[in-house]
Amino acid sequence: MEHRDQCISACIRRSHVVTLQYRQQCMSSVLRLHRVVSLLTQVQELEDQLRDRIDAHNQALLKKDALERDLEAQQTTAAELEEVVKQLEFQLDTKTTNEKSLQRVSL
């Protein structure tokens, strides 16, 4: 009977050791899964941030393009106005010169 009790005790100890090993493996797997989930969450957050920054960058590019078009239009308008002013100044100079000539002739 004693031998039988020893065998049963040995089996119980082995079973206990196997159970502890299995429990440790499970805990290790759970920890790895937690790390993986944490990393996946971080990756998702970084992807969201990247998408937001890409959208913001694209919006900034659109604004830049619009501002460049406005600036070009204003520069064109300014050049046209400068040309009009030059023509008006030339016409004024011509008119002034003609009036002075007419005044000299009339005197």
Protein backbone atom coordinates (compact mmCIF):
# COMPACT_ATOMS: atom_id res chain seq x y z
CA MET A 1 0.00 0.00 0.00
CA GLU A 2 2.86 2.28 0.79
CA HIS A 3 4.30 1.84 -2.66
CA ARG A 4 0.92 2.64 -4.13
CA ASP A 5 0.64 5.78 -2.00
CA GLN A 6 4.10 6.81 -3.10
CA CYS A 7 3.15 6.31 -6.74
CA ILE A 8 -0.03 8.31 -6.27
CA SER A 9 1.92 11.08 -4.50
CA ALA A 10 4.50 11.09 -7.30
CA CYS A 11 1.73 11.30 -9.91
CA ILE A 12 0.06 14.14 -8.03
CA ARG A 13 3.41 15.99 -7.79
CA ARG A 14 4.05 15.49 -11.52
CA SER A 15 0.53 16.57 -12.31
CA HIS A 16 1.01 19.62 -10.12
CA VAL A 17 4.32 20.43 -11.88
CA VAL A 18 2.71 19.99 -15.32
CA THR A 19 -0.21 22.17 -14.24
CA LEU A 20 2.19 24.88 -13.00
CA GLN A 21 4.17 24.71 -16.25
CA TYR A 22 0.98 24.93 -18.29
CA ARG A 23 -0.17 27.87 -16.17
CA GLN A 24 3.17 29.64 -16.70
CA GLN A 25 2.95 29.03 -20.45
CA CYS A 26 -0.59 30.42 -20.48
CA MET A 27 0.46 33.49 -18.49
CA SER A 28 3.40 34.01 -20.83
CA SER A 29 1.07 33.73 -23.83
CA VAL A 30 -1.36 36.19 -22.26
CA LEU A 31 1.48 38.67 -21.65
CA ARG A 32 2.66 38.30 -25.25
CA LEU A 33 -0.90 38.84 -26.47
CA HIS A 34 -1.18 41.96 -24.31
CA ARG A 35 2.04 43.28 -25.83
CA VAL A 36 0.81 42.52 -29.34
CA VAL A 37 -2.53 44.22 -28.67
CA SER A 38 -0.72 47.22 -27.22
CA LEU A 39 1.56 47.44 -30.25
CA LEU A 40 -1.38 47.09 -32.64
CA THR A 41 -3.17 49.88 -30.81
CA GLN A 42 -0.08 52.08 -31.08
CA VAL A 43 0.23 51.29 -34.79
CA GLN A 44 -3.43 52.19 -35.32
CA GLU A 45 -2.97 55.48 -33.45
CA LEU A 46 0.14 56.30 -35.49
CA GLU A 47 -1.69 55.49 -38.72
CA ASP A 48 -4.55 57.78 -37.67
CA GLN A 49 -2.09 60.56 -36.83
CA LEU A 50 -0.32 60.06 -40.16
CA ARG A 51 -3.63 60.24 -42.06
CA ASP A 52 -4.54 63.43 -40.17
CA ARG A 53 -1.17 64.99 -40.98
CA ILE A 54 -1.41 63.98 -44.63
CA ASP A 55 -4.87 65.56 -44.81
CA ALA A 56 -3.58 68.73 -43.13
CA HIS A 57 -0.61 68.80 -45.52
CA ASN A 58 -2.90 68.40 -48.53
CA GLN A 59 -5.10 71.22 -47.26
CA ALA A 60 -2.02 73.41 -46.80
CA LEU A 61 -0.93 72.62 -50.36
CA LEU A 62 -4.35 73.58 -51.68
CA LYS A 63 -4.22 76.87 -49.77
CA LYS A 64 -0.69 77.51 -51.04
CA ASP A 65 -1.80 76.90 -54.63
CA ALA A 66 -4.77 79.24 -54.19
CA LEU A 67 -2.54 81.94 -52.68
CA GLU A 68 -0.03 81.59 -55.52
CA ARG A 69 -2.83 81.98 -58.08
CA ASP A 70 -4.13 85.06 -56.23
CA LEU A 71 -0.63 86.52 -56.05
CA GLU A 72 -0.06 85.92 -59.75
CA ALA A 73 -3.40 87.57 -60.57
CA GLN A 74 -2.51 90.56 -58.36
CA GLN A 75 0.91 90.86 -59.97
CA THR A 76 -0.71 90.80 -63.40
CA THR A 77 -3.19 93.47 -62.32
CA ALA A 78 -0.39 95.57 -60.84
CA ALA A 79 1.61 95.31 -64.08
CA GLU A 80 -1.45 96.30 -66.09
CA LEU A 81 -2.08 99.28 -63.80
CA GLU A 82 1.57 100.35 -64.09
CA GLU A 83 1.22 100.28 -67.87
CA VAL A 84 -1.97 102.37 -67.69
CA VAL A 85 -0.24 104.87 -65.40
CA LYS A 86 2.72 105.13 -67.82
CA GLN A 87 0.35 105.72 -70.72
CA LEU A 88 -1.55 108.37 -68.76
CA GLU A 89 1.71 110.06 -67.72
CA PHE A 90 2.85 110.05 -71.36
CA GLN A 91 -0.50 111.50 -72.48
CA LEU A 92 -0.29 114.15 -69.74
CA ASP A 93 3.28 115.05 -70.73
CA THR A 94 2.24 115.24 -74.38
CA LYS A 95 -0.79 117.37 -73.55
CA THR A 96 1.26 119.68 -71.32
CA THR A 97 3.90 120.05 -74.01
CA ASN A 98 1.24 120.79 -76.64
CA GLU A 99 -0.48 123.34 -74.42
CA LYS A 100 2.82 125.12 -73.74
CA SER A 101 3.53 125.17 -77.47
CA LEU A 102 0.06 126.56 -78.17
CA GLN A 103 0.52 129.26 -75.51
CA ARG A 104 3.83 130.32 -77.05
CA VAL A 105 2.28 130.47 -80.50
CA SER A 106 -0.68 132.50 -79.27
CA LEU A 107 1.54 135.06 -77.61
